[in-house]
């Protein structure tokens, strides 16, 4: 496909007898933002390392614009930017000198280097702190400088591994603003996070990995469609609901399930618009709702449905 920028085919990576990545395939189109999700130990970090060309797969291929990505393919890696989860900064070097150092590693120099340093500092909102050392920065400012360093060489693909860990809401929004600018400019993004709401906000496609295998590779809308209930209604009643009425409620068209007891009930719905019919049905039977709230299905619901609710160490 001509609009595919990153093509990941049948990746396998093992550590001893443990297979961390097991036949992983997906692709990223030009300008697309793909959320890469998975529980702890699912194989995300290993996959990210292979995509960035800092790990080699045991089998399978990664192609960027038709060219092989790997530890020995330096020319291809120059078109990839990586924002690692662990900060890659020199705390005692001023921010501008950090950027000059990383820019030089990408082959930038003189006027081109100065121009790119100025451009990325402007993009992440750190122009006024260019001469300050990262040791004086907040966690959010360090994260933003980390992103700036990954953008110096104007990569076609930017991979972000948990880029908002430990940052305050203001810094998180500043990072989102930066990523929105990159999206408008046509940069393709691969974004990993444990914050489902971030992926919902940013991604137009989601890949979910567990036990090293791809469980889902779809748009958010297609993922929501997997759920038997795409919306929920919580209702508090003036009087307890009888078991007979609760059973009747569960049989209504569009109701995927009913949970609760007494005066508090949660109704899972195939569509949020069906909440009105449920409330009317209750009123027709003398049940007065004193409070109700609706909510749509979330990416977290899909994630837990696919990967389970067991704790991962």
C-alpha atoms as a PDB file:
ATOM      1  CA  UNK A   1       0.000   0.000   0.000  1.00  0.00           C
ATOM      2  CA  UNK A   2       1.567   3.270  -1.106  1.00  0.00           C
ATOM      3  CA  UNK A   3       0.262   5.258   1.871  1.00  0.00           C
ATOM      4  CA  UNK A   4       1.800   2.842   4.413  1.00  0.00           C
ATOM      5  CA  UNK A   5       4.834   4.365   6.124  1.00  0.00           C
ATOM      6  CA  UNK A   6       5.663   1.665   8.687  1.00  0.00           C
ATOM      7  CA  UNK A   7       5.006  -1.966   7.785  1.00  0.00           C
ATOM      8  CA  UNK A   8       5.485  -4.479  10.615  1.00  0.00           C
ATOM      9  CA  UNK A   9       5.415  -8.099   9.492  1.00  0.00           C
ATOM     10  CA  UNK A  10       5.388 -11.237  11.649  1.00  0.00           C
ATOM     11  CA  UNK A  11       7.817 -10.080  14.334  1.00  0.00           C
ATOM     12  CA  UNK A  12       9.187 -12.697  16.728  1.00  0.00           C
ATOM     13  CA  UNK A  13      11.545 -12.025  19.626  1.00  0.00           C
ATOM     14  CA  UNK A  14      12.470 -14.432  22.419  1.00  0.00           C
ATOM     15  CA  UNK A  15      14.550 -14.145  25.571  1.00  0.00           C
ATOM     16  CA  UNK A  16      15.651 -17.651  26.390  1.00  0.00           C
ATOM     17  CA  UNK A  17      12.536 -19.807  26.451  1.00  0.00           C
ATOM     18  CA  UNK A  18      10.193 -16.832  26.854  1.00  0.00           C
ATOM     19  CA  UNK A  19       8.699 -15.465  23.641  1.00  0.00           C
ATOM     20  CA  UNK A  20       8.183 -11.744  24.243  1.00  0.00           C
ATOM     21  CA  UNK A  21       6.899 -10.944  20.749  1.00  0.00           C
ATOM     22  CA  UNK A  22       4.982 -13.622  18.893  1.00  0.00           C
ATOM     23  CA  UNK A  23       4.074 -13.003  15.228  1.00  0.00           C
ATOM     24  CA  UNK A  24       3.223  -9.296  15.615  1.00  0.00           C
ATOM     25  CA  UNK A  25       2.027  -7.562  12.446  1.00  0.00           C
ATOM     26  CA  UNK A  26       0.437  -4.160  11.845  1.00  0.00           C
ATOM     27  CA  UNK A  27       1.085  -1.011   9.847  1.00  0.00           C
ATOM     28  CA  UNK A  28       1.083   2.748  10.290  1.00  0.00           C
ATOM     29  CA  UNK A  29      -0.078   4.998   7.476  1.00  0.00           C
ATOM     30  CA  UNK A  30       1.497   8.342   6.681  1.00  0.00           C
ATOM     31  CA  UNK A  31       0.212  10.946   9.104  1.00  0.00           C
ATOM     32  CA  UNK A  32      -1.611   8.344  11.210  1.00  0.00           C
ATOM     33  CA  UNK A  33      -1.471   8.084  14.998  1.00  0.00           C
ATOM     34  CA  UNK A  34      -1.491   4.500  16.263  1.00  0.00           C
ATOM     35  CA  UNK A  35      -1.971   3.749  19.946  1.00  0.00           C
ATOM     36  CA  UNK A  36       0.003   0.690  21.048  1.00  0.00           C
ATOM     37  CA  UNK A  37      -1.519  -0.800  24.202  1.00  0.00           C
ATOM     38  CA  UNK A  38      -0.914  -3.830  26.384  1.00  0.00           C
ATOM     39  CA  UNK A  39      -0.680  -4.895  30.043  1.00  0.00           C
ATOM     40  CA  UNK A  40       2.661  -5.069  31.845  1.00  0.00           C
ATOM     41  CA  UNK A  41       4.776  -7.794  30.286  1.00  0.00           C
ATOM     42  CA  UNK A  42       2.689  -7.897  27.119  1.00  0.00           C
ATOM     43  CA  UNK A  43       5.637  -7.274  24.778  1.00  0.00           C
ATOM     44  CA  UNK A  44       5.108  -3.550  24.127  1.00  0.00           C
ATOM     45  CA  UNK A  45       8.582  -2.395  25.153  1.00  0.00           C
ATOM     46  CA  UNK A  46      10.277  -5.084  23.094  1.00  0.00           C
ATOM     47  CA  UNK A  47       8.096  -4.219  20.113  1.00  0.00           C
ATOM     48  CA  UNK A  48       8.940  -0.513  20.489  1.00  0.00           C
ATOM     49  CA  UNK A  49      12.643  -1.329  20.596  1.00  0.00           C
ATOM     50  CA  UNK A  50      12.357  -3.302  17.361  1.00  0.00           C
ATOM     51  CA  UNK A  51      10.323  -0.563  15.664  1.00  0.00           C
ATOM     52  CA  UNK A  52      12.925   2.020  16.640  1.00  0.00           C
ATOM     53  CA  UNK A  53      15.791  -0.101  15.318  1.00  0.00           C
ATOM     54  CA  UNK A  54      17.556  -0.508  18.655  1.00  0.00           C
ATOM     55  CA  UNK A  55      16.660  -4.209  18.909  1.00  0.00           C
ATOM     56  CA  UNK A  56      16.691  -6.839  16.195  1.00  0.00           C
ATOM     57  CA  UNK A  57      13.844  -9.317  15.882  1.00  0.00           C
ATOM     58  CA  UNK A  58      14.593 -13.049  15.721  1.00  0.00           C
ATOM     59  CA  UNK A  59      12.231 -13.242  12.761  1.00  0.00           C
ATOM     60  CA  UNK A  60       9.984 -10.928  10.770  1.00  0.00           C
ATOM     61  CA  UNK A  61      10.634  -7.524   9.260  1.00  0.00           C
ATOM     62  CA  UNK A  62      10.024  -3.846   9.892  1.00  0.00           C
ATOM     63  CA  UNK A  63       9.954  -1.602   6.834  1.00  0.00           C
ATOM     64  CA  UNK A  64       9.916   2.195   6.924  1.00  0.00           C
ATOM     65  CA  UNK A  65       8.880   3.567   3.560  1.00  0.00           C
ATOM     66  CA  UNK A  66       9.979   0.262   2.034  1.00  0.00           C
ATOM     67  CA  UNK A  67      13.422   0.228   3.700  1.00  0.00           C
ATOM     68  CA  UNK A  68      14.468  -2.245   6.402  1.00  0.00           C
ATOM     69  CA  UNK A  69      14.632  -1.020  10.007  1.00  0.00           C
ATOM     70  CA  UNK A  70      17.240  -2.634  12.258  1.00  0.00           C
ATOM     71  CA  UNK A  71      20.327  -2.047  14.358  1.00  0.00           C
ATOM     72  CA  UNK A  72      22.553  -2.183  11.268  1.00  0.00           C
ATOM     73  CA  UNK A  73      20.373   0.042   9.065  1.00  0.00           C
ATOM     74  CA  UNK A  74      21.481   3.480  10.229  1.00  0.00           C
ATOM     75  CA  UNK A  75      20.176   5.406   7.219  1.00  0.00           C
ATOM     76  CA  UNK A  76      16.631   4.160   7.828  1.00  0.00           C
ATOM     77  CA  UNK A  77      16.813   4.849  11.570  1.00  0.00           C
ATOM     78  CA  UNK A  78      17.557   8.515  10.813  1.00  0.00           C
ATOM     79  CA  UNK A  79      13.923   8.886   9.746  1.00  0.00           C
ATOM     80  CA  UNK A  80      12.637   7.651  13.121  1.00  0.00           C
ATOM     81  CA  UNK A  81      12.387   9.645  16.330  1.00  0.00           C
ATOM     82  CA  UNK A  82      12.160   7.847  19.690  1.00  0.00           C
ATOM     83  CA  UNK A  83      10.917   9.395  22.921  1.00  0.00           C
ATOM     84  CA  UNK A  84      11.893   6.772  25.516  1.00  0.00           C
ATOM     85  CA  UNK A  85      10.053   6.242  28.776  1.00  0.00           C
ATOM     86  CA  UNK A  86      13.281   6.821  30.702  1.00  0.00           C
ATOM     87  CA  UNK A  87      14.482  10.379  30.187  1.00  0.00           C
ATOM     88  CA  UNK A  88      17.477  10.615  27.855  1.00  0.00           C
ATOM     89  CA  UNK A  89      18.933  13.945  28.957  1.00  0.00           C
ATOM     90  CA  UNK A  90      22.138  15.270  30.512  1.00  0.00           C
ATOM     91  CA  UNK A  91      20.948  17.031  33.654  1.00  0.00           C
ATOM     92  CA  UNK A  92      24.008  19.257  34.021  1.00  0.00           C
ATOM     93  CA  UNK A  93      24.047  20.492  30.419  1.00  0.00           C
ATOM     94  CA  UNK A  94      21.829  23.480  29.546  1.00  0.00           C
ATOM     95  CA  UNK A  95      18.787  22.530  27.497  1.00  0.00           C
ATOM     96  CA  UNK A  96      20.190  24.124  24.344  1.00  0.00           C
ATOM     97  CA  UNK A  97      23.446  22.179  24.730  1.00  0.00           C
ATOM     98  CA  UNK A  98      21.527  18.939  25.184  1.00  0.00           C
ATOM     99  CA  UNK A  99      19.820  19.643  21.872  1.00  0.00           C
ATOM    100  CA  UNK A 100      23.072  20.603  20.126  1.00  0.00           C
ATOM    101  CA  UNK A 101      24.627  17.334  21.277  1.00  0.00           C
ATOM    102  CA  UNK A 102      21.723  15.188  20.058  1.00  0.00           C
ATOM    103  CA  UNK A 103      21.486  17.195  16.849  1.00  0.00           C
ATOM    104  CA  UNK A 104      25.165  16.595  16.133  1.00  0.00           C
ATOM    105  CA  UNK A 105      24.579  12.861  16.540  1.00  0.00           C
ATOM    106  CA  UNK A 106      22.011  13.150  13.750  1.00  0.00           C
ATOM    107  CA  UNK A 107      24.577  14.921  11.547  1.00  0.00           C
ATOM    108  CA  UNK A 108      23.229  18.443  11.971  1.00  0.00           C
ATOM    109  CA  UNK A 109      25.721  21.293  12.272  1.00  0.00           C
ATOM    110  CA  UNK A 110      26.210  25.050  12.064  1.00  0.00           C
ATOM    111  CA  UNK A 111      23.192  27.060  10.878  1.00  0.00           C
ATOM    112  CA  UNK A 112      21.020  23.975  10.276  1.00  0.00           C
ATOM    113  CA  UNK A 113      21.632  22.775  13.825  1.00  0.00           C
ATOM    114  CA  UNK A 114      20.904  26.190  15.327  1.00  0.00           C
ATOM    115  CA  UNK A 115      17.689  26.495  13.314  1.00  0.00           C
ATOM    116  CA  UNK A 116      16.413  23.082  14.373  1.00  0.00           C
ATOM    117  CA  UNK A 117      17.233  23.698  18.038  1.00  0.00           C
ATOM    118  CA  UNK A 118      15.298  26.960  17.918  1.00  0.00           C
ATOM    119  CA  UNK A 119      12.373  25.317  16.115  1.00  0.00           C
ATOM    120  CA  UNK A 120      11.938  22.426  18.558  1.00  0.00           C
ATOM    121  CA  UNK A 121      12.321  24.658  21.614  1.00  0.00           C
ATOM    122  CA  UNK A 122       9.532  26.828  20.206  1.00  0.00           C
ATOM    123  CA  UNK A 123       7.403  23.760  19.485  1.00  0.00           C
ATOM    124  CA  UNK A 124       7.597  22.428  23.054  1.00  0.00           C
ATOM    125  CA  UNK A 125       7.375  25.841  24.718  1.00  0.00           C
ATOM    126  CA  UNK A 126      10.849  25.958  26.272  1.00  0.00           C
ATOM    127  CA  UNK A 127      12.449  28.916  24.482  1.00  0.00           C
ATOM    128  CA  UNK A 128      12.732  30.916  27.715  1.00  0.00           C
ATOM    129  CA  UNK A 129      14.471  28.022  29.489  1.00  0.00           C
ATOM    130  CA  UNK A 130      16.984  27.206  26.754  1.00  0.00           C
ATOM    131  CA  UNK A 131      19.990  28.235  28.875  1.00  0.00           C
ATOM    132  CA  UNK A 132      18.811  26.455  32.019  1.00  0.00           C
ATOM    133  CA  UNK A 133      19.893  22.991  33.064  1.00  0.00           C
ATOM    134  CA  UNK A 134      17.353  20.136  33.063  1.00  0.00           C
ATOM    135  CA  UNK A 135      18.263  19.545  36.723  1.00  0.00           C
ATOM    136  CA  UNK A 136      16.240  22.708  37.445  1.00  0.00           C
ATOM    137  CA  UNK A 137      13.246  21.586  35.345  1.00  0.00           C
ATOM    138  CA  UNK A 138       9.994  20.067  36.509  1.00  0.00           C
ATOM    139  CA  UNK A 139       9.191  16.525  35.405  1.00  0.00           C
ATOM    140  CA  UNK A 140       6.869  17.849  32.722  1.00  0.00           C
ATOM    141  CA  UNK A 141       9.505  20.221  31.324  1.00  0.00           C
ATOM    142  CA  UNK A 142      12.014  17.370  31.138  1.00  0.00           C
ATOM    143  CA  UNK A 143       9.469  15.293  29.212  1.00  0.00           C
ATOM    144  CA  UNK A 144       8.940  18.142  26.762  1.00  0.00           C
ATOM    145  CA  UNK A 145      12.702  18.552  26.263  1.00  0.00           C
ATOM    146  CA  UNK A 146      12.917  14.798  25.696  1.00  0.00           C
ATOM    147  CA  UNK A 147      10.351  15.160  22.895  1.00  0.00           C
ATOM    148  CA  UNK A 148      12.250  18.108  21.437  1.00  0.00           C
ATOM    149  CA  UNK A 149      15.441  16.032  21.227  1.00  0.00           C
ATOM    150  CA  UNK A 150      13.595  13.314  19.291  1.00  0.00           C
ATOM    151  CA  UNK A 151      12.334  15.864  16.746  1.00  0.00           C
ATOM    152  CA  UNK A 152      15.604  17.589  15.842  1.00  0.00           C
ATOM    153  CA  UNK A 153      16.110  15.581  12.660  1.00  0.00           C
ATOM    154  CA  UNK A 154      12.469  15.988  11.519  1.00  0.00           C
ATOM    155  CA  UNK A 155      11.574  12.277  11.568  1.00  0.00           C
ATOM    156  CA  UNK A 156       8.774  10.897   9.422  1.00  0.00           C
ATOM    157  CA  UNK A 157       7.820   8.597  12.322  1.00  0.00           C
ATOM    158  CA  UNK A 158       7.849   9.534  15.998  1.00  0.00           C
ATOM    159  CA  UNK A 159       7.590   6.723  18.580  1.00  0.00           C
ATOM    160  CA  UNK A 160       6.545   7.839  22.064  1.00  0.00           C
ATOM    161  CA  UNK A 161       6.881   5.357  24.927  1.00  0.00           C
ATOM    162  CA  UNK A 162       4.836   6.509  27.946  1.00  0.00           C
ATOM    163  CA  UNK A 163       5.675  10.199  27.333  1.00  0.00           C
ATOM    164  CA  UNK A 164       3.443  11.613  30.108  1.00  0.00           C
ATOM    165  CA  UNK A 165       4.519   9.448  33.054  1.00  0.00           C
ATOM    166  CA  UNK A 166       4.772  11.555  36.186  1.00  0.00           C
ATOM    167  CA  UNK A 167       3.714  14.884  34.693  1.00  0.00           C
ATOM    168  CA  UNK A 168       1.081  17.339  35.913  1.00  0.00           C
ATOM    169  CA  UNK A 169      -2.104  18.081  33.932  1.00  0.00           C
ATOM    170  CA  UNK A 170      -0.711  21.355  32.537  1.00  0.00           C
ATOM    171  CA  UNK A 171       2.404  19.645  31.156  1.00  0.00           C
ATOM    172  CA  UNK A 172       0.292  16.784  29.811  1.00  0.00           C
ATOM    173  CA  UNK A 173      -1.858  19.245  27.878  1.00  0.00           C
ATOM    174  CA  UNK A 174       1.259  21.010  26.595  1.00  0.00           C
ATOM    175  CA  UNK A 175       2.544  17.659  25.289  1.00  0.00           C
ATOM    176  CA  UNK A 176      -0.811  16.992  23.631  1.00  0.00           C
ATOM    177  CA  UNK A 177      -0.652  20.414  21.959  1.00  0.00           C
ATOM    178  CA  UNK A 178       2.800  19.543  20.599  1.00  0.00           C
ATOM    179  CA  UNK A 179       1.565  16.214  19.263  1.00  0.00           C
ATOM    180  CA  UNK A 180      -1.466  17.877  17.667  1.00  0.00           C
ATOM    181  CA  UNK A 181       0.891  20.224  15.818  1.00  0.00           C
ATOM    182  CA  UNK A 182       2.908  17.244  14.591  1.00  0.00           C
ATOM    183  CA  UNK A 183      -0.284  15.477  13.490  1.00  0.00           C
ATOM    184  CA  UNK A 184      -1.332  18.506  11.442  1.00  0.00           C
ATOM    185  CA  UNK A 185       2.124  18.558   9.859  1.00  0.00           C
ATOM    186  CA  UNK A 186       1.701  14.926   8.748  1.00  0.00           C
ATOM    187  CA  UNK A 187       4.096  13.213  11.159  1.00  0.00           C
ATOM    188  CA  UNK A 188       3.119   9.604  11.859  1.00  0.00           C
ATOM    189  CA  UNK A 189       3.010   8.706  15.560  1.00  0.00           C
ATOM    190  CA  UNK A 190       3.177   5.449  17.499  1.00  0.00           C
ATOM    191  CA  UNK A 191       2.025   6.191  21.047  1.00  0.00           C
ATOM    192  CA  UNK A 192       2.217   3.799  23.997  1.00  0.00           C
ATOM    193  CA  UNK A 193       0.553   4.628  27.300  1.00  0.00           C
ATOM    194  CA  UNK A 194      -1.189   3.103  30.287  1.00  0.00           C
ATOM    195  CA  UNK A 195      -3.562   6.078  30.242  1.00  0.00           C
ATOM    196  CA  UNK A 196      -6.421   4.904  28.036  1.00  0.00           C
ATOM    197  CA  UNK A 197      -7.972   8.357  27.838  1.00  0.00           C
ATOM    198  CA  UNK A 198      -4.776   9.662  26.208  1.00  0.00           C
ATOM    199  CA  UNK A 199      -4.968   7.086  23.447  1.00  0.00           C
ATOM    200  CA  UNK A 200      -8.683   7.815  22.977  1.00  0.00           C
ATOM    201  CA  UNK A 201      -7.832  11.488  22.582  1.00  0.00           C
ATOM    202  CA  UNK A 202      -4.883  11.095  20.208  1.00  0.00           C
ATOM    203  CA  UNK A 203      -5.133   7.869  18.211  1.00  0.00           C
ATOM    204  CA  UNK A 204      -7.142   7.141  15.083  1.00  0.00           C
ATOM    205  CA  UNK A 205      -6.079   3.483  15.211  1.00  0.00           C
ATOM    206  CA  UNK A 206      -5.325   1.139  18.113  1.00  0.00           C
ATOM    207  CA  UNK A 207      -3.188  -2.003  18.362  1.00  0.00           C
ATOM    208  CA  UNK A 208      -3.619  -4.080  21.544  1.00  0.00           C
ATOM    209  CA  UNK A 209      -0.921  -6.635  22.404  1.00  0.00           C
ATOM    210  CA  UNK A 210      -0.973  -9.289  25.117  1.00  0.00           C
ATOM    211  CA  UNK A 211       1.364 -12.247  25.699  1.00  0.00           C
ATOM    212  CA  UNK A 212       3.324 -11.035  22.690  1.00  0.00           C
ATOM    213  CA  UNK A 213       0.434 -11.355  20.232  1.00  0.00           C
ATOM    214  CA  UNK A 214      -1.843  -8.812  18.577  1.00  0.00           C
ATOM    215  CA  UNK A 215      -5.369  -9.088  19.968  1.00  0.00           C
ATOM    216  CA  UNK A 216      -6.825  -6.105  18.115  1.00  0.00           C
ATOM    217  CA  UNK A 217      -5.750  -3.880  15.222  1.00  0.00           C
ATOM    218  CA  UNK A 218      -8.653  -1.540  14.541  1.00  0.00           C
ATOM    219  CA  UNK A 219     -10.084   1.951  14.752  1.00  0.00           C
ATOM    220  CA  UNK A 220     -11.520   2.988  18.147  1.00  0.00           C
ATOM    221  CA  UNK A 221     -15.039   2.823  16.679  1.00  0.00           C
ATOM    222  CA  UNK A 222     -14.490  -0.768  15.543  1.00  0.00           C
ATOM    223  CA  UNK A 223     -13.152  -1.684  18.982  1.00  0.00           C
ATOM    224  CA  UNK A 224     -16.206  -0.230  20.714  1.00  0.00           C
ATOM    225  CA  UNK A 225     -18.391  -2.300  18.383  1.00  0.00           C
ATOM    226  CA  UNK A 226     -16.850  -5.472  19.852  1.00  0.00           C
ATOM    227  CA  UNK A 227     -18.542  -4.808  23.180  1.00  0.00           C
ATOM    228  CA  UNK A 228     -22.032  -6.151  23.848  1.00  0.00           C
ATOM    229  CA  UNK A 229     -22.698  -2.869  25.670  1.00  0.00           C
ATOM    230  CA  UNK A 230     -21.516   0.407  24.171  1.00  0.00           C
ATOM    231  CA  UNK A 231     -23.144   2.602  26.807  1.00  0.00           C
ATOM    232  CA  UNK A 232     -24.300   2.436  30.408  1.00  0.00           C
ATOM    233  CA  UNK A 233     -27.090   3.947  32.462  1.00  0.00           C
ATOM    234  CA  UNK A 234     -26.826   4.329  36.234  1.00  0.00           C
ATOM    235  CA  UNK A 235     -30.144   5.056  37.901  1.00  0.00           C
ATOM    236  CA  UNK A 236     -31.135   5.734  41.502  1.00  0.00           C
ATOM    237  CA  UNK A 237     -34.803   4.995  42.188  1.00  0.00           C
ATOM    238  CA  UNK A 238     -37.154   6.403  44.834  1.00  0.00           C
ATOM    239  CA  UNK A 239     -38.147   2.861  45.864  1.00  0.00           C
ATOM    240  CA  UNK A 240     -36.462  -0.549  45.563  1.00  0.00           C
ATOM    241  CA  UNK A 241     -36.887  -2.414  42.282  1.00  0.00           C
ATOM    242  CA  UNK A 242     -38.431  -5.880  42.632  1.00  0.00           C
ATOM    243  CA  UNK A 243     -36.738  -8.943  41.225  1.00  0.00           C
ATOM    244  CA  UNK A 244     -39.598  -9.388  38.765  1.00  0.00           C
ATOM    245  CA  UNK A 245     -39.168  -5.864  37.381  1.00  0.00           C
ATOM    246  CA  UNK A 246     -35.392  -6.253  37.272  1.00  0.00           C
ATOM    247  CA  UNK A 247     -35.885  -9.390  35.184  1.00  0.00           C
ATOM    248  CA  UNK A 248     -38.244  -7.525  32.867  1.00  0.00           C
ATOM    249  CA  UNK A 249     -35.764  -4.679  32.543  1.00  0.00           C
ATOM    250  CA  UNK A 250     -33.060  -7.134  31.455  1.00  0.00           C
ATOM    251  CA  UNK A 251     -35.322  -8.380  28.642  1.00  0.00           C
ATOM    252  CA  UNK A 252     -35.888  -4.960  27.074  1.00  0.00           C
ATOM    253  CA  UNK A 253     -34.622  -4.510  23.491  1.00  0.00           C
ATOM    254  CA  UNK A 254     -31.130  -3.043  23.489  1.00  0.00           C
ATOM    255  CA  UNK A 255     -30.364  -3.964  27.114  1.00  0.00           C
ATOM    256  CA  UNK A 256     -27.194  -6.030  27.364  1.00  0.00           C
ATOM    257  CA  UNK A 257     -27.265  -6.564  31.115  1.00  0.00           C
ATOM    258  CA  UNK A 258     -28.556  -5.330  34.457  1.00  0.00           C
ATOM    259  CA  UNK A 259     -26.683  -5.196  37.766  1.00  0.00           C
ATOM    260  CA  UNK A 260     -27.590  -3.740  41.127  1.00  0.00           C
ATOM    261  CA  UNK A 261     -30.031  -4.071  43.965  1.00  0.00           C
ATOM    262  CA  UNK A 262     -32.481  -2.073  45.996  1.00  0.00           C
ATOM    263  CA  UNK A 263     -32.699   1.441  44.613  1.00  0.00           C
ATOM    264  CA  UNK A 264     -29.363   1.539  42.702  1.00  0.00           C
ATOM    265  CA  UNK A 265     -29.052  -0.105  39.290  1.00  0.00           C
ATOM    266  CA  UNK A 266     -26.598  -0.191  36.399  1.00  0.00           C
ATOM    267  CA  UNK A 267     -28.003  -0.989  32.971  1.00  0.00           C
ATOM    268  CA  UNK A 268     -25.643  -1.858  30.113  1.00  0.00           C
ATOM    269  CA  UNK A 269     -26.957  -0.679  26.755  1.00  0.00           C
ATOM    270  CA  UNK A 270     -26.123  -1.469  23.168  1.00  0.00           C
ATOM    271  CA  UNK A 271     -26.602   2.216  22.373  1.00  0.00           C
ATOM    272  CA  UNK A 272     -26.804   5.306  24.567  1.00  0.00           C
ATOM    273  CA  UNK A 273     -30.008   6.478  22.862  1.00  0.00           C
ATOM    274  CA  UNK A 274     -31.832   3.523  24.486  1.00  0.00           C
ATOM    275  CA  UNK A 275     -31.508   5.137  27.931  1.00  0.00           C
ATOM    276  CA  UNK A 276     -34.675   7.178  27.296  1.00  0.00           C
ATOM    277  CA  UNK A 277     -36.718   4.033  26.608  1.00  0.00           C
ATOM    278  CA  UNK A 278     -35.397   2.396  29.803  1.00  0.00           C
ATOM    279  CA  UNK A 279     -36.328   5.414  31.936  1.00  0.00           C
ATOM    280  CA  UNK A 280     -39.791   5.576  30.342  1.00  0.00           C
ATOM    281  CA  UNK A 281     -40.297   1.841  31.008  1.00  0.00           C
ATOM    282  CA  UNK A 282     -39.420   2.335  34.686  1.00  0.00           C
ATOM    283  CA  UNK A 283     -41.765   5.329  35.055  1.00  0.00           C
ATOM    284  CA  UNK A 284     -44.621   3.430  33.392  1.00  0.00           C
ATOM    285  CA  UNK A 285     -44.288   0.822  36.158  1.00  0.00           C
ATOM    286  CA  UNK A 286     -44.310   3.330  38.991  1.00  0.00           C
ATOM    287  CA  UNK A 287     -40.563   3.437  39.490  1.00  0.00           C
ATOM    288  CA  UNK A 288     -39.441   7.064  39.899  1.00  0.00           C
ATOM    289  CA  UNK A 289     -35.804   7.825  38.967  1.00  0.00           C
ATOM    290  CA  UNK A 290     -34.447  10.412  41.398  1.00  0.00           C
ATOM    291  CA  UNK A 291     -31.059  10.525  39.693  1.00  0.00           C
ATOM    292  CA  UNK A 292     -29.542   9.007  36.580  1.00  0.00           C
ATOM    293  CA  UNK A 293     -26.353   9.293  34.553  1.00  0.00           C
ATOM    294  CA  UNK A 294     -25.248   7.867  31.231  1.00  0.00           C
ATOM    295  CA  UNK A 295     -21.778   6.995  30.000  1.00  0.00           C
ATOM    296  CA  UNK A 296     -20.433   5.643  26.742  1.00  0.00           C
ATOM    297  CA  UNK A 297     -18.121   2.680  26.417  1.00  0.00           C
ATOM    298  CA  UNK A 298     -14.481   3.542  26.933  1.00  0.00           C
ATOM    299  CA  UNK A 299     -11.293   2.159  25.467  1.00  0.00           C
ATOM    300  CA  UNK A 300     -10.524   0.805  28.933  1.00  0.00           C
ATOM    301  CA  UNK A 301     -13.657  -1.361  28.734  1.00  0.00           C
ATOM    302  CA  UNK A 302     -12.453  -2.869  25.456  1.00  0.00           C
ATOM    303  CA  UNK A 303      -8.923  -3.311  26.812  1.00  0.00           C
ATOM    304  CA  UNK A 304     -10.108  -5.192  29.912  1.00  0.00           C
ATOM    305  CA  UNK A 305     -12.535  -7.258  27.858  1.00  0.00           C
ATOM    306  CA  UNK A 306      -9.656  -8.431  25.636  1.00  0.00           C
ATOM    307  CA  UNK A 307      -6.854  -8.795  28.181  1.00  0.00           C
ATOM    308  CA  UNK A 308      -8.763  -9.676  31.349  1.00  0.00           C
ATOM    309  CA  UNK A 309      -8.798  -8.102  34.790  1.00  0.00           C
ATOM    310  CA  UNK A 310      -6.090 -10.182  36.475  1.00  0.00           C
ATOM    311  CA  UNK A 311      -3.216  -8.215  37.971  1.00  0.00           C
ATOM    312  CA  UNK A 312       0.095  -8.360  36.068  1.00  0.00           C
ATOM    313  CA  UNK A 313       3.461  -8.215  37.834  1.00  0.00           C
END
